[in-house]
Protein backbone atom coordinates (compact mmCIF):
# COMPACT_ATOMS: atom_id res chain seq x y z
CA MET A 1 0.00 0.00 0.00
CA MET A 2 2.76 2.45 0.88
CA SER A 3 4.62 1.81 -2.36
CA LYS A 4 1.50 2.78 -4.30
CA LEU A 5 1.23 5.99 -2.30
CA ASP A 6 4.92 6.68 -2.88
CA LYS A 7 4.43 6.23 -6.62
CA ALA A 8 1.35 8.45 -6.57
CA PHE A 9 3.27 11.31 -4.96
CA LEU A 10 6.66 10.77 -6.61
CA PHE A 11 6.20 13.33 -9.37
CA GLN A 12 5.02 16.08 -7.03
CA GLU A 13 7.76 15.27 -4.51
CA LYS A 14 10.46 15.61 -7.17
CA ALA A 15 8.88 18.73 -8.67
CA LEU A 16 8.62 20.50 -5.32
CA GLY A 17 12.17 19.53 -4.40
CA LEU A 18 13.49 20.93 -7.67
CA ARG A 19 11.40 24.09 -7.29
CA ALA A 20 12.83 24.63 -3.80
CA HIS A 21 16.38 24.09 -5.10
CA ARG A 22 15.79 26.50 -7.97
CA GLN A 23 14.46 29.10 -5.53
CA GLN A 24 17.75 28.82 -3.58
CA VAL A 25 19.79 29.20 -6.77
CA LEU A 26 17.83 32.27 -7.84
CA ALA A 27 18.07 33.76 -4.34
CA GLY A 28 21.83 33.26 -4.53
CA ASN A 29 21.93 35.13 -7.81
CA ILE A 30 19.97 38.02 -6.32
CA ALA A 31 22.16 38.09 -3.21
CA ASN A 32 25.28 38.33 -5.38
CA ALA A 33 23.99 41.04 -7.70
CA ASP A 34 26.75 43.43 -6.59
CA THR A 35 29.57 40.86 -6.38
CA PRO A 36 32.25 41.55 -8.99
CA ASN A 37 32.74 38.75 -11.57
CA TYR A 38 29.80 36.72 -10.21
CA LYS A 39 28.14 34.63 -12.91
CA ALA A 40 24.39 34.06 -12.60
CA ARG A 41 23.41 30.38 -12.43
CA ASP A 42 20.22 28.48 -13.20
CA PHE A 43 19.09 25.10 -14.53
CA ASP A 44 16.62 23.73 -17.02
CA PHE A 45 13.71 22.75 -14.79
CA SER A 46 11.90 20.47 -17.25
CA ALA A 47 15.06 18.51 -18.11
CA ALA A 48 15.96 18.18 -14.43
CA LEU A 49 12.45 16.97 -13.60
CA LYS A 50 12.57 14.34 -16.35
CA GLU A 51 15.88 13.05 -15.01
CA ALA A 52 14.66 13.09 -11.40
CA VAL A 53 11.48 11.15 -12.19
CA ALA A 54 13.49 8.65 -14.27
CA GLY A 55 15.83 8.20 -11.29
CA ARG A 56 18.98 9.24 -13.13
CA ASN A 57 20.25 11.81 -10.65
CA THR A 58 20.22 9.87 -7.41
CA GLY A 59 23.29 9.32 -5.29
CA ASP A 60 26.62 11.02 -5.08
CA LEU A 61 29.12 11.42 -7.85
CA ARG A 62 32.08 9.19 -7.08
CA LEU A 63 35.59 10.57 -7.43
CA ALA A 64 38.06 8.80 -9.69
CA THR A 65 41.02 7.24 -7.91
CA THR A 66 44.29 6.25 -9.54
CA SER A 67 45.89 4.60 -6.53
CA SER A 68 44.72 2.20 -3.87
CA ARG A 69 45.98 4.71 -1.26
CA HIS A 70 43.55 7.42 -2.37
CA LEU A 71 40.63 8.12 -0.10
CA SER A 72 37.26 7.22 -1.55
CA GLY A 73 35.45 10.53 -1.30
CA GLY A 74 32.26 11.62 -2.91
CA ALA A 75 31.41 14.94 -4.45
CA ALA A 76 27.95 16.02 -3.44
CA ARG A 77 25.86 16.62 -6.51
CA GLY A 78 22.83 18.86 -6.39
CA PRO A 79 19.46 17.78 -7.68
CA ALA A 80 20.13 19.52 -11.01
CA GLU A 81 23.07 20.41 -13.24
CA LEU A 82 23.68 24.14 -12.77
CA GLN A 83 24.49 26.18 -15.84
CA TYR A 84 25.58 29.76 -16.28
CA ARG A 85 22.85 32.11 -17.39
CA SER A 86 23.57 33.86 -20.68
CA GLU A 87 24.51 37.50 -20.28
CA THR A 88 21.78 39.95 -21.30
CA GLN A 89 23.59 43.16 -20.51
CA SER A 90 27.34 43.57 -20.11
CA SER A 91 28.64 44.92 -16.84
CA VAL A 92 31.88 46.75 -16.07
CA ASP A 93 32.64 44.51 -13.08
CA GLY A 94 31.93 41.24 -14.95
CA ASN A 95 28.76 40.42 -13.02
CA THR A 96 26.09 38.73 -15.19
CA VAL A 97 23.14 39.08 -12.78
CA ASP A 98 20.25 40.99 -14.38
CA MET A 99 17.93 41.88 -11.50
CA ASP A 100 14.85 42.18 -13.74
CA VAL A 101 15.37 38.64 -15.07
CA GLU A 102 16.17 37.23 -11.63
CA ARG A 103 13.13 38.81 -9.97
CA ALA A 104 10.84 37.58 -12.75
CA GLN A 105 12.25 34.05 -12.56
CA PHE A 106 12.06 34.10 -8.75
CA ALA A 107 8.40 35.19 -8.79
CA GLU A 108 7.46 32.68 -11.51
CA ASN A 109 9.16 29.85 -9.63
CA ALA A 110 7.39 30.85 -6.40
CA VAL A 111 4.01 30.76 -8.16
CA HIS A 112 4.75 27.30 -9.59
CA TYR A 113 5.86 26.10 -6.15
CA GLU A 114 2.64 27.35 -4.54
CA ALA A 115 0.58 25.75 -7.32
CA GLY A 116 2.36 22.46 -6.74
CA LEU A 117 1.62 22.64 -3.02
CA THR A 118 -2.02 23.43 -3.69
CA PHE A 119 -2.32 20.50 -6.08
CA LEU A 120 -0.63 18.15 -3.62
CA THR A 121 -2.83 19.33 -0.75
CA GLY A 122 -5.95 18.73 -2.83
CA ARG A 123 -4.77 15.26 -3.76
CA ILE A 124 -4.08 14.37 -0.13
CA LYS A 125 -7.50 15.69 0.92
CA SER A 126 -9.22 13.58 -1.74
CA LEU A 127 -7.32 10.47 -0.62
CA MET A 128 -8.21 11.15 3.02
CA SER A 129 -11.85 11.61 2.02
CA ALA A 130 -11.79 8.29 0.15
CA LEU A 131 -10.19 6.50 3.11
CA GLN A 132 -12.72 7.92 5.55
CA GLY A 133 -15.59 6.93 3.26
CA GLN A 134 -17.01 10.41 2.82
């Protein structure tokens, strides 16, 4: 029974996790708007969601070792592959953060996150109603 519930909520779980991660990335861009040579970062949400649902981005990225004496460490990989945002307006200090773009992306992502929560809440309420026989 629990595995069916897990499968039913898998898509929304992954989508909300990626939305939260993207919100952190965008907030980092906004926070570094005045940092010289800072390059704005973002990721392709739809591609990251497809990979997350397919299970291709789970686990840590293992480091290559060339000797048996090397420590087996792992590089923590985020839920999505971050890319540099293309520069829309050149800056004297080398910063590529465009506050208009960042604010718009931040607001759009927040709306999608809230919509995902609303959808998930409605789905949980309907399941609870079905379980209670109402």
